[in-house]
Amino acid sequence: MENIALIVMLLFGITFLGVLSNKYRFPFPIILVLCGVGISLIPGLPVISLKPDIVFLIFLPPLLYGAAWNTSWHDFKANLRPISLAAIGLVLFTMVLVAATAHAIIPGMTWPLGLLLGAIVSPPDAVAATSVTKGLGLEPRMNAILEGESLVNDASGLIAYKYAIAAVTYGNFVFWEAGLNFLIVVAGGTAIGLAIGSIMYFVHKKFICDAVIEVTLTFLTPFACYLLAEHFHVSGVLAVVSSGLFLSYNSAVIFTHESRIKSYAVWDVVIFILNGLIFVLIGLQLRSIMQGIEAYTKTELVLYSIAISFVVIIVRFIWVVPAAYLPRILSKRIRKNEPFNPKNLVVFSWAGMRGVVSMAAALALALDFPQRNLIIYLTFCVILSTLILLGSTLPWVIRKLKLPVYTIALEEYEVRNQVVTNTITHIEENLSLLNDELLNNIKSKYEIKYNRLQKTDLPANYFGQKDTQPADIFNQFSQIQIDLIGVERQTLDHLHRQGKASEEVLRKIERELDLEETRLKMEMYSG
């Protein structure tokens, strides 16, 4: 019980730092890894660890499912080539070079152990990259490649991770057998994920009408995918990812508005807690891990961590040049159809921060696994160095490159305009027989939206114009409504305190006002 209380208090502290992170716009993943260091330095804290065999089960399914859910299938498919080159080719390239470096400089680090270390530290973290680049105006294609890479390279890295563990444990590795088994593992995991996704699609669409049950099922689905796939010895990671992509693509059809609101809120909280928890656990274990590698001098440990981190960082810069230029040289279609800005190669190379999946993979090693403490230490050092060196400087690099600033405001304006126009057309063509007063009331709502959109001054060259702002008329209209909602809340609270509004009435009207304010704030342009 004391250990649970300690973890809760540490999570409370990390959550408070998350508040400061949002307020001062400092990337939260950097705070998390620094918290891990800080926790390890607090004297007297007990060593708390989860059993290695359940670390993956607790952390991987929800983290991967959340990443898959937030990945656009259209963007993923459109950028499949660069995503595959980065998520498979770069992962294997990084794994081999990390293994070669570790084998060369670290006594007792065999090739299988080196490959295991490489598999753990090779996948970048999407949450770290997007939290650092948020609000910097990167073009959508770059964001899509970074998110898609992180989604797939978690799968490729973790599959390689399992092969490396088998090689260390059993001491043999037949390449052609591993290749054949790899195809079976990939195909089997993907098939199970799509099968469960299809079943859940049918269940959500045909049987469920309660938002709480729907959200509960979305929470249980990744665990079901992972456990079933692992039971049949295929990729649980790919099962989770494929199921998440399939259900996310069809979410507009199978979920009600209330289910979507609740599920996004629940998943945001779950992902936040899991990211914090993994670094709480590493902080509580770091002192004992350091004691487990006392055979190495401090100088040796520092040199090892610098060497491995340097390789992890520099390999990405080396890989990106041929991976970007060779397809363009060999294919006229790619040169013609795909926009290319060499400066984006620098951004992509700089966005190689490691994070929670690498840490979970290291902590999931069996307690008696060879060189476990050293592998966890080196993994933590790679996460720390990439987040500090790359994550903290990436915004500065983007500003120095003077990349065109992308904003979704124009796209949002055009989509809203099309939605409202089509709705008005539908009203005129299909609802003309309604009572005149009712018809006018319905139509006026959308005409007001349409008129506001026409007064929103977004020129055709809005992209890249830092000093151009959306018309104030649009935002002012929404802001006035938000201010009036505040007046409604004050009146409601006053009536409630006087006993003139029951708790049930209060909650109902309060929820209505909350949803309306959320809609208005989502509607406003931020420039």
Protein backbone atom coordinates (compact mmCIF):
# COMPACT_ATOMS: atom_id res chain seq x y z
CA MET A 1 0.00 0.00 0.00
CA GLU A 2 2.88 2.38 0.83
CA ASN A 3 4.39 1.77 -2.60
CA ILE A 4 1.09 2.52 -4.31
CA ALA A 5 0.73 5.72 -2.30
CA LEU A 6 4.25 6.73 -3.30
CA ILE A 7 3.57 6.15 -7.00
CA VAL A 8 0.31 8.14 -6.76
CA MET A 9 2.11 11.06 -5.11
CA LEU A 10 4.88 11.02 -7.72
CA LEU A 11 2.27 10.94 -10.51
CA PHE A 12 0.55 13.87 -8.82
CA GLY A 13 3.81 15.80 -8.92
CA ILE A 14 4.39 14.94 -12.59
CA THR A 15 0.84 16.07 -13.38
CA PHE A 16 1.53 19.42 -11.74
CA LEU A 17 4.65 19.74 -13.90
CA GLY A 18 2.43 18.96 -16.86
CA VAL A 19 0.37 22.03 -15.95
CA LEU A 20 3.53 24.13 -16.00
CA SER A 21 4.54 22.49 -19.29
CA ASN A 22 1.29 23.62 -20.92
CA LYS A 23 1.48 27.07 -19.40
CA TYR A 24 5.06 27.77 -20.50
CA ARG A 25 4.93 25.63 -23.66
CA PHE A 26 7.80 23.39 -22.70
CA PRO A 27 7.75 19.88 -24.24
CA PHE A 28 6.31 17.48 -21.68
CA PRO A 29 8.40 14.41 -22.72
CA ILE A 30 11.55 16.32 -21.73
CA ILE A 31 10.00 17.02 -18.34
CA LEU A 32 9.19 13.33 -17.94
CA VAL A 33 12.72 12.11 -18.54
CA LEU A 34 14.13 14.79 -16.22
CA CYS A 35 11.60 13.70 -13.60
CA GLY A 36 12.96 10.18 -13.92
CA VAL A 37 16.44 11.47 -13.13
CA GLY A 38 15.12 13.60 -10.27
CA ILE A 39 13.20 10.73 -8.68
CA SER A 40 16.30 8.53 -8.77
CA LEU A 41 18.22 11.17 -6.80
CA ILE A 42 15.72 11.34 -3.92
CA PRO A 43 17.28 9.40 -1.02
CA GLY A 44 15.28 6.75 0.79
CA LEU A 45 12.80 5.92 -1.95
CA PRO A 46 12.13 2.18 -2.32
CA VAL A 47 12.85 0.23 -5.49
CA ILE A 48 9.51 -0.48 -7.15
CA SER A 49 9.21 -2.48 -10.34
CA LEU A 50 6.55 -4.33 -12.25
CA LYS A 51 7.09 -7.92 -13.24
CA PRO A 52 8.82 -7.82 -16.64
CA ASP A 53 6.26 -10.13 -18.27
CA ILE A 54 3.41 -7.68 -17.61
CA VAL A 55 5.22 -4.45 -18.54
CA PHE A 56 4.42 -4.94 -22.22
CA LEU A 57 0.83 -5.89 -21.47
CA ILE A 58 0.20 -2.75 -19.42
CA PHE A 59 1.98 -0.20 -21.58
CA LEU A 60 2.18 -1.34 -25.20
CA PRO A 61 -1.45 -2.01 -26.21
CA PRO A 62 -2.91 1.35 -25.10
CA LEU A 63 0.09 3.40 -26.25
CA LEU A 64 0.19 1.82 -29.71
CA TYR A 65 -3.60 1.84 -30.08
CA GLY A 66 -3.72 5.52 -29.16
CA ALA A 67 -1.03 6.31 -31.74
CA ALA A 68 -2.84 4.29 -34.41
CA TRP A 69 -6.15 5.96 -33.60
CA ASN A 70 -4.66 9.42 -34.16
CA THR A 71 -2.99 8.46 -37.45
CA SER A 72 -4.79 9.40 -40.66
CA TRP A 73 -5.14 6.36 -42.92
CA HIS A 74 -5.24 8.61 -46.00
CA ASP A 75 -1.99 10.35 -45.02
CA PHE A 76 -0.45 7.03 -44.02
CA LYS A 77 -1.27 5.44 -47.38
CA ALA A 78 -0.18 8.51 -49.36
CA ASN A 79 3.24 8.51 -47.66
CA LEU A 80 3.73 4.76 -47.41
CA ARG A 81 7.09 4.75 -49.21
CA PRO A 82 8.94 7.28 -46.98
CA ILE A 83 7.24 5.84 -43.91
CA SER A 84 8.35 2.30 -44.81
CA LEU A 85 11.90 3.38 -45.59
CA ALA A 86 12.15 5.09 -42.21
CA ALA A 87 10.15 2.61 -40.14
CA ILE A 88 11.77 -0.55 -41.48
CA GLY A 89 14.97 0.37 -43.27
CA LEU A 90 16.15 2.99 -40.79
CA VAL A 91 15.21 0.81 -37.80
CA LEU A 92 17.28 -2.12 -39.10
CA PHE A 93 20.15 0.18 -40.11
CA THR A 94 20.17 1.78 -36.65
CA MET A 95 19.93 -1.59 -34.95
CA VAL A 96 22.95 -3.00 -36.81
CA LEU A 97 25.16 0.07 -36.27
CA VAL A 98 24.24 0.30 -32.58
CA ALA A 99 25.01 -3.41 -32.22
CA ALA A 100 28.37 -3.00 -33.98
CA THR A 101 29.28 -0.06 -31.75
CA ALA A 102 28.21 -1.77 -28.54
CA HIS A 103 30.00 -5.00 -29.49
CA ALA A 104 33.18 -3.08 -30.29
CA ILE A 105 33.45 -0.90 -27.19
CA ILE A 106 31.60 -2.70 -24.38
CA PRO A 107 33.22 -5.82 -22.86
CA GLY A 108 30.80 -8.75 -22.73
CA MET A 109 28.35 -7.16 -25.16
CA THR A 110 27.80 -9.98 -27.67
CA TRP A 111 26.29 -9.45 -31.10
CA PRO A 112 22.85 -10.72 -30.03
CA LEU A 113 22.87 -8.42 -27.00
CA GLY A 114 23.99 -5.55 -29.20
CA LEU A 115 21.19 -6.21 -31.66
CA LEU A 116 18.75 -6.31 -28.75
CA LEU A 117 19.97 -2.91 -27.54
CA GLY A 118 19.69 -1.61 -31.10
CA ALA A 119 16.14 -2.89 -31.44
CA ILE A 120 15.17 -1.16 -28.19
CA VAL A 121 16.62 2.28 -28.99
CA SER A 122 15.89 2.38 -32.74
CA PRO A 123 12.17 3.46 -32.79
CA PRO A 124 11.60 7.23 -32.34
CA ASP A 125 8.63 8.37 -30.30
CA ALA A 126 5.70 10.10 -32.04
CA VAL A 127 4.46 11.79 -28.86
CA ALA A 128 7.87 13.37 -28.26
CA ALA A 129 8.17 14.59 -31.86
CA THR A 130 4.66 16.02 -32.15
CA SER A 131 4.76 17.68 -28.72
CA VAL A 132 7.99 19.45 -29.68
CA THR A 133 6.82 20.49 -33.17
CA LYS A 134 3.28 21.44 -32.13
CA GLY A 135 2.45 24.96 -33.22
CA LEU A 136 5.59 25.37 -35.35
CA GLY A 137 3.70 25.18 -38.65
CA LEU A 138 5.28 22.08 -40.20
CA GLU A 139 3.62 21.02 -43.43
CA PRO A 140 1.09 18.16 -43.06
CA ARG A 141 3.19 15.70 -45.09
CA MET A 142 6.10 16.02 -42.68
CA ASN A 143 3.82 15.46 -39.68
CA ALA A 144 2.22 12.47 -41.42
CA ILE A 145 5.62 10.89 -42.11
CA LEU A 146 6.81 11.41 -38.53
CA GLU A 147 3.62 9.93 -37.05
CA GLY A 148 3.45 7.06 -39.52
CA GLU A 149 7.12 6.26 -39.01
CA SER A 150 6.72 6.08 -35.26
CA LEU A 151 3.65 3.85 -35.58
CA VAL A 152 5.28 1.30 -37.89
CA ASN A 153 8.79 1.41 -36.45
CA ASP A 154 7.43 0.48 -33.04
CA ALA A 155 6.16 -2.69 -34.69
CA SER A 156 9.34 -3.42 -36.66
CA GLY A 157 11.58 -2.58 -33.71
CA LEU A 158 9.62 -4.76 -31.28
CA ILE A 159 9.53 -7.69 -33.70
CA ALA A 160 13.31 -7.40 -34.05
CA TYR A 161 13.46 -7.12 -30.25
CA LYS A 162 11.80 -10.52 -29.84
CA TYR A 163 14.13 -12.14 -32.36
CA ALA A 164 17.13 -10.68 -30.55
CA ILE A 165 15.87 -12.04 -27.21
CA ALA A 166 15.46 -15.48 -28.81
CA ALA A 167 19.01 -15.30 -30.18
CA VAL A 168 20.39 -14.40 -26.73
CA THR A 169 18.30 -17.03 -24.94
CA TYR A 170 18.75 -19.96 -27.29
CA GLY A 171 22.09 -19.03 -28.83
CA ASN A 172 21.15 -19.84 -32.42
CA PHE A 173 19.79 -17.80 -35.29
CA VAL A 174 19.08 -19.18 -38.78
CA PHE A 175 18.53 -16.26 -41.14
CA TRP A 176 16.17 -17.94 -43.65
CA GLU A 177 14.04 -19.43 -40.87
CA ALA A 178 13.87 -16.05 -39.16
CA GLY A 179 12.84 -14.42 -42.46
CA LEU A 180 10.05 -16.92 -43.06
CA ASN A 181 8.87 -16.67 -39.46
CA PHE A 182 8.94 -12.87 -39.74
CA LEU A 183 6.47 -12.98 -42.64
CA ILE A 184 4.19 -15.32 -40.69
CA VAL A 185 4.37 -13.12 -37.59
CA VAL A 186 3.57 -9.96 -39.59
CA ALA A 187 0.75 -11.51 -41.61
CA GLY A 188 -0.75 -13.29 -38.60
CA GLY A 189 -0.67 -10.23 -36.36
CA THR A 190 -2.19 -8.00 -39.04
CA ALA A 191 -4.91 -10.57 -39.79
CA ILE A 192 -5.90 -10.94 -36.13
CA GLY A 193 -5.98 -7.17 -35.70
CA LEU A 194 -8.22 -6.69 -38.74
CA ALA A 195 -10.45 -9.59 -37.68
CA ILE A 196 -11.00 -8.18 -34.19
CA GLY A 197 -11.42 -4.69 -35.70
CA SER A 198 -14.12 -6.03 -38.03
CA ILE A 199 -15.92 -7.76 -35.16
CA MET A 200 -15.81 -4.59 -33.06
CA TYR A 201 -17.02 -2.56 -36.05
CA PHE A 202 -20.07 -4.81 -36.30
CA VAL A 203 -20.70 -4.77 -32.54
CA HIS A 204 -20.38 -0.98 -32.25
CA LYS A 205 -22.58 -0.33 -35.27
CA LYS A 206 -25.36 -2.86 -34.67
CA PHE A 207 -25.71 -3.41 -30.94
CA ILE A 208 -24.32 -0.62 -28.76
CA CYS A 209 -26.17 2.58 -27.96
CA ASP A 210 -24.57 3.43 -24.61
CA ALA A 211 -21.55 5.72 -24.65
CA VAL A 212 -19.98 4.28 -21.48
CA ILE A 213 -20.06 0.75 -22.91
CA GLU A 214 -18.60 1.96 -26.20
CA VAL A 215 -15.72 3.72 -24.48
CA THR A 216 -15.10 0.66 -22.31
CA LEU A 217 -14.88 -1.53 -25.41
CA THR A 218 -12.44 0.86 -27.11
CA PHE A 219 -10.28 0.56 -24.01
CA LEU A 220 -10.41 -3.26 -23.96
CA THR A 221 -9.97 -3.80 -27.71
CA PRO A 222 -6.18 -3.23 -27.87
CA PHE A 223 -5.61 -5.63 -24.96
CA ALA A 224 -7.77 -8.28 -26.68
CA CYS A 225 -5.82 -7.85 -29.93
CA TYR A 226 -2.47 -8.06 -28.18
CA LEU A 227 -3.31 -11.08 -26.00
CA LEU A 228 -4.92 -13.08 -28.80
CA ALA A 229 -2.05 -12.44 -31.21
CA GLU A 230 0.57 -13.32 -28.60
CA HIS A 231 -1.35 -16.49 -27.79
CA PHE A 232 -0.90 -17.61 -31.40
CA HIS A 233 2.75 -16.44 -31.38
CA VAL A 234 2.28 -13.72 -33.96
CA SER A 235 2.82 -9.96 -33.61
CA GLY A 236 0.63 -8.49 -30.89
CA VAL A 237 2.01 -5.06 -31.80
CA LEU A 238 0.81 -5.27 -35.41
CA ALA A 239 -2.53 -6.66 -34.25
CA VAL A 240 -3.05 -3.57 -32.08
CA VAL A 241 -1.86 -1.17 -34.80
CA SER A 242 -3.95 -2.67 -37.62
CA SER A 243 -7.06 -2.81 -35.45
CA GLY A 244 -6.56 0.80 -34.34
CA LEU A 245 -6.10 2.06 -37.90
CA PHE A 246 -9.19 0.16 -39.12
CA LEU A 247 -11.51 1.35 -36.35
CA SER A 248 -10.19 4.90 -36.44
CA TYR A 249 -10.89 5.08 -40.18
CA ASN A 250 -14.49 3.95 -39.55
CA SER A 251 -15.05 5.85 -36.30
CA ALA A 252 -17.44 8.37 -37.89
CA VAL A 253 -19.78 5.52 -38.79
CA ILE A 254 -19.72 3.44 -35.62
CA PHE A 255 -19.56 5.99 -32.79
CA THR A 256 -22.13 8.45 -31.54
CA HIS A 257 -21.19 12.04 -30.77
CA GLU A 258 -21.25 11.33 -27.02
CA SER A 259 -19.04 8.26 -27.41
CA ARG A 260 -16.46 10.25 -29.35
CA ILE A 261 -16.34 13.01 -26.76
CA LYS A 262 -15.96 10.57 -23.88
CA SER A 263 -13.50 8.25 -25.63
CA TYR A 264 -11.10 11.05 -26.57
CA ALA A 265 -11.20 12.36 -23.01
CA VAL A 266 -10.60 8.90 -21.52
CA TRP A 267 -7.77 8.06 -23.90
CA ASP A 268 -6.02 11.39 -23.36
CA VAL A 269 -5.99 10.69 -19.62
CA VAL A 270 -4.84 7.06 -20.05
CA ILE A 271 -1.94 7.99 -22.34
CA PHE A 272 -0.91 10.83 -20.05
CA ILE A 273 -0.85 8.56 -16.98
CA LEU A 274 1.03 5.75 -18.75
CA ASN A 275 3.70 8.12 -20.02
CA GLY A 276 4.15 9.48 -16.52
CA LEU A 277 4.06 6.06 -14.88
CA ILE A 278 6.84 4.56 -17.01
CA PHE A 279 9.24 7.33 -16.02
CA VAL A 280 8.19 7.09 -12.37
CA LEU A 281 9.09 3.40 -12.51
CA ILE A 282 12.45 4.00 -14.17
CA GLY A 283 13.21 6.72 -11.61
CA LEU A 284 12.46 4.33 -8.75
CA GLN A 285 14.64 1.63 -10.32
CA LEU A 286 17.50 3.74 -11.60
CA ARG A 287 19.52 3.66 -8.37
CA SER A 288 19.39 -0.15 -8.19
CA ILE A 289 20.18 -0.34 -11.90
CA MET A 290 23.27 1.77 -11.37
CA GLN A 291 24.30 -0.50 -8.50
CA GLY A 292 23.93 -3.46 -10.86
CA ILE A 293 26.57 -2.05 -13.23
CA GLU A 294 29.18 -1.10 -10.66
CA ALA A 295 31.64 -3.39 -12.44
CA TYR A 296 32.05 -0.55 -14.95
CA THR A 297 33.74 2.69 -13.94
CA LYS A 298 31.83 5.96 -14.16
CA THR A 299 34.08 7.05 -16.99
CA GLU A 300 33.31 3.89 -18.95
CA LEU A 301 29.57 4.28 -18.43
CA VAL A 302 29.66 7.89 -19.59
CA LEU A 303 31.68 6.96 -22.68
CA TYR A 304 29.34 4.07 -23.50
CA SER A 305 26.26 6.26 -23.19
CA ILE A 306 27.80 9.04 -25.31
CA ALA A 307 28.91 6.58 -28.01
CA ILE A 308 25.54 4.79 -28.29
CA SER A 309 23.59 8.05 -28.20
CA PHE A 310 25.86 9.57 -30.86
CA VAL A 311 25.32 6.59 -33.15
CA VAL A 312 21.54 6.69 -32.65
CA ILE A 313 21.47 10.40 -33.54
CA ILE A 314 23.95 10.44 -36.42
CA VAL A 315 22.57 7.33 -38.16
CA ARG A 316 19.33 9.18 -38.87
CA PHE A 317 21.21 12.01 -40.60
CA ILE A 318 23.18 9.49 -42.68
CA TRP A 319 20.14 7.47 -43.71
CA VAL A 320 17.85 10.30 -44.72
CA VAL A 321 19.94 11.54 -47.68
CA PRO A 322 19.94 8.37 -49.86
CA ALA A 323 16.43 7.45 -48.66
CA ALA A 324 15.13 10.81 -49.91
CA TYR A 325 17.18 11.32 -53.06
CA LEU A 326 17.47 7.82 -54.58
CA PRO A 327 13.70 7.34 -55.14
CA ARG A 328 13.57 10.79 -56.77
CA ILE A 329 16.51 9.97 -59.01
CA LEU A 330 15.05 6.63 -60.06
CA SER A 331 11.41 7.67 -60.51
CA LYS A 332 10.13 10.48 -62.70
CA ARG A 333 6.66 10.06 -61.16
CA ILE A 334 8.01 10.80 -57.69
CA ARG A 335 9.87 13.87 -58.93
CA LYS A 336 6.70 15.13 -60.62
CA ASN A 337 4.07 14.37 -57.99
CA GLU A 338 5.79 14.73 -54.61
CA PRO A 339 6.80 18.15 -53.30
CA PHE A 340 10.35 18.28 -52.03
CA ASN A 341 12.15 20.74 -49.79
CA PRO A 342 15.70 19.71 -48.73
CA LYS A 343 15.25 21.66 -45.50
CA ASN A 344 12.63 19.12 -44.42
CA LEU A 345 15.37 16.48 -44.38
CA VAL A 346 17.05 18.39 -41.57
CA VAL A 347 13.77 18.57 -39.64
CA PHE A 348 13.14 14.85 -40.13
CA SER A 349 16.67 13.96 -39.02
CA TRP A 350 16.40 16.22 -35.98
CA ALA A 351 13.06 14.72 -34.94
CA GLY A 352 14.54 11.39 -33.82
CA MET A 353 13.62 11.62 -30.14
CA ARG A 354 13.18 8.33 -28.26
CA GLY A 355 10.56 7.82 -25.61
CA VAL A 356 8.21 5.62 -23.68
CA VAL A 357 8.10 2.55 -25.97
CA SER A 358 11.89 2.15 -25.80
CA MET A 359 11.77 2.48 -22.03
CA ALA A 360 8.99 -0.09 -21.72
CA ALA A 361 10.91 -2.54 -23.94
CA ALA A 362 14.00 -2.23 -21.75
CA LEU A 363 12.06 -2.66 -18.51
CA ALA A 364 10.29 -5.74 -19.95
CA LEU A 365 13.54 -7.74 -20.01
CA ALA A 366 13.59 -10.62 -17.54
CA LEU A 367 15.25 -9.83 -14.22
CA ASP A 368 17.98 -12.41 -14.84
CA PHE A 369 18.54 -11.39 -18.45
CA PRO A 370 22.25 -10.90 -19.37
CA GLN A 371 23.37 -7.25 -19.15
CA ARG A 372 19.81 -6.16 -18.27
CA ASN A 373 20.89 -3.28 -16.04
CA LEU A 374 23.38 -1.99 -18.60
CA ILE A 375 20.80 -2.15 -21.39
CA ILE A 376 18.24 -0.23 -19.29
CA TYR A 377 20.89 2.35 -18.36
CA LEU A 378 21.94 2.87 -21.99
CA THR A 379 18.31 3.07 -23.13
CA PHE A 380 17.57 5.75 -20.55
CA CYS A 381 20.68 7.68 -21.61
CA VAL A 382 19.61 7.55 -25.26
CA ILE A 383 16.13 8.84 -24.36
CA LEU A 384 17.63 11.57 -22.18
CA SER A 385 20.19 12.70 -24.76
CA THR A 386 17.81 12.68 -27.73
CA LEU A 387 15.11 14.57 -25.87
CA ILE A 388 17.52 17.13 -24.42
CA LEU A 389 19.83 17.61 -27.43
CA LEU A 390 17.31 17.19 -30.23
CA GLY A 391 13.96 17.96 -28.62
CA SER A 392 14.97 21.18 -26.93
CA THR A 393 16.72 22.54 -30.04
CA LEU A 394 14.28 21.41 -32.77
CA PRO A 395 12.07 24.54 -32.55
CA TRP A 396 15.20 26.70 -32.91
CA VAL A 397 16.33 24.64 -35.93
CA ILE A 398 12.92 25.02 -37.60
CA ARG A 399 13.00 28.78 -37.10
CA LYS A 400 16.56 29.02 -38.44
CA LEU A 401 15.63 27.04 -41.55
CA LYS A 402 12.87 29.60 -42.25
CA LEU A 403 10.49 26.97 -43.51
CA PRO A 404 7.14 28.17 -44.86
CA VAL A 405 4.67 28.25 -41.99
CA TYR A 406 1.70 25.98 -42.63
CA THR A 407 -1.69 26.59 -41.06
CA ILE A 408 -4.88 24.59 -41.32
CA ALA A 409 -7.01 27.75 -41.25
CA LEU A 410 -7.55 27.89 -45.02
CA GLU A 411 -8.33 24.17 -45.26
CA GLU A 412 -10.70 24.48 -42.30
CA TYR A 413 -12.40 27.47 -43.89
CA GLU A 414 -12.96 25.63 -47.18
CA VAL A 415 -14.28 22.49 -45.47
CA ARG A 416 -16.66 24.48 -43.26
CA ASN A 417 -17.87 26.41 -46.28
CA GLN A 418 -18.58 23.21 -48.22
CA VAL A 419 -20.37 21.58 -45.28
CA VAL A 420 -22.64 24.58 -44.71
CA THR A 421 -23.35 25.06 -48.42
CA ASN A 422 -24.31 21.41 -48.91
CA THR A 423 -26.53 21.51 -45.82
CA ILE A 424 -28.39 24.60 -47.06
CA THR A 425 -28.85 22.92 -50.44
CA HIS A 426 -30.26 19.84 -48.70
CA ILE A 427 -32.70 21.99 -46.72
CA GLU A 428 -33.93 23.74 -49.86
CA GLU A 429 -34.33 20.53 -51.85
CA ASN A 430 -35.74 18.17 -49.21
CA LEU A 431 -37.41 20.19 -46.45
CA SER A 432 -39.44 22.68 -48.47
CA LEU A 433 -42.74 21.14 -47.30
CA LEU A 434 -42.10 21.96 -43.65
CA ASN A 435 -44.06 24.61 -41.84
CA ASP A 436 -42.76 28.02 -42.99
CA GLU A 437 -41.83 29.19 -39.51
CA LEU A 438 -40.00 25.96 -38.72
CA LEU A 439 -38.26 25.98 -42.12
CA ASN A 440 -37.11 29.57 -41.69
CA ASN A 441 -35.75 28.88 -38.20
CA ILE A 442 -33.78 25.88 -39.42
CA LYS A 443 -32.49 27.59 -42.53
CA SER A 444 -31.50 30.79 -40.72
CA LYS A 445 -29.12 28.85 -38.47
CA TYR A 446 -27.08 27.72 -41.44
CA GLU A 447 -27.40 31.00 -43.29
CA ILE A 448 -25.88 32.74 -40.27
CA LYS A 449 -22.97 30.29 -40.40
CA TYR A 450 -22.61 30.85 -44.15
CA ASN A 451 -22.65 34.65 -43.83
CA ARG A 452 -20.04 34.55 -41.08
CA LEU A 453 -17.80 32.38 -43.25
CA GLN A 454 -18.10 34.84 -46.14
CA LYS A 455 -16.92 37.62 -43.83
CA THR A 456 -13.88 35.62 -42.80
CA ASP A 457 -11.12 37.18 -44.85
CA LEU A 458 -8.77 34.31 -45.73
CA PRO A 459 -6.92 35.12 -48.97
CA ALA A 460 -5.79 32.41 -51.40
CA ASN A 461 -2.16 32.91 -50.41
CA TYR A 462 -2.92 32.46 -46.70
CA PHE A 463 -0.35 29.65 -46.43
CA GLY A 464 2.99 30.94 -45.23
CA GLN A 465 1.72 34.44 -44.38
CA LYS A 466 2.72 34.90 -40.76
CA ASP A 467 1.22 38.38 -40.47
CA THR A 468 -2.16 37.47 -41.98
CA GLN A 469 -4.92 36.87 -39.46
CA PRO A 470 -8.45 35.52 -39.97
CA ALA A 471 -11.11 38.21 -39.87
CA ASP A 472 -11.96 39.37 -36.40
CA ILE A 473 -15.68 39.26 -37.19
CA PHE A 474 -15.75 35.46 -37.11
CA ASN A 475 -13.91 35.10 -33.81
CA GLN A 476 -15.67 38.05 -32.19
CA PHE A 477 -19.05 36.48 -32.85
CA SER A 478 -17.93 33.24 -31.19
CA GLN A 479 -16.22 35.05 -28.31
CA ILE A 480 -19.37 37.06 -27.52
CA GLN A 481 -21.33 33.82 -27.33
CA ILE A 482 -18.70 32.34 -24.99
CA ASP A 483 -18.92 35.40 -22.77
CA LEU A 484 -22.71 35.06 -22.66
CA ILE A 485 -22.36 31.41 -21.72
CA GLY A 486 -20.36 32.66 -18.73
CA VAL A 487 -23.34 34.82 -17.76
CA GLU A 488 -25.64 31.80 -18.08
CA ARG A 489 -23.32 29.79 -15.81
CA GLN A 490 -23.29 32.51 -13.17
CA THR A 491 -27.09 32.64 -13.16
CA LEU A 492 -27.32 28.86 -13.00
CA ASP A 493 -24.86 28.70 -10.10
CA HIS A 494 -26.74 31.45 -8.27
CA LEU A 495 -30.04 29.56 -8.61
CA HIS A 496 -28.37 26.34 -7.48
CA ARG A 497 -26.93 27.98 -4.36
CA GLN A 498 -30.34 29.39 -3.52
CA GLY A 499 -31.87 25.93 -3.82
CA LYS A 500 -33.97 26.92 -6.84
CA ALA A 501 -32.18 24.53 -9.23
CA SER A 502 -31.82 20.86 -8.34
CA GLU A 503 -28.58 18.94 -8.82
CA GLU A 504 -30.06 17.03 -11.76
CA VAL A 505 -31.16 20.20 -13.56
CA LEU A 506 -27.83 21.86 -12.76
CA ARG A 507 -25.77 19.02 -14.26
CA LYS A 508 -27.91 18.80 -17.37
CA ILE A 509 -27.79 22.51 -18.21
CA GLU A 510 -24.14 22.72 -17.15
CA ARG A 511 -23.23 19.91 -19.57
CA GLU A 512 -25.18 21.63 -22.34
CA LEU A 513 -23.26 24.87 -21.74
CA ASP A 514 -19.93 23.02 -21.57
CA LEU A 515 -20.56 21.30 -24.92
CA GLU A 516 -21.67 24.57 -26.51
CA GLU A 517 -18.56 26.39 -25.27
CA THR A 518 -16.37 23.54 -26.52
CA ARG A 519 -18.00 23.79 -29.94
CA LEU A 520 -17.49 27.54 -30.11
CA LYS A 521 -13.84 27.34 -29.09
CA MET A 522 -13.21 24.58 -31.63
CA GLU A 523 -14.86 26.78 -34.25
CA MET A 524 -12.62 29.79 -33.69
CA TYR A 525 -9.58 30.39 -35.87
CA SER A 526 -6.28 30.74 -34.06
CA GLY A 527 -4.36 32.18 -37.00
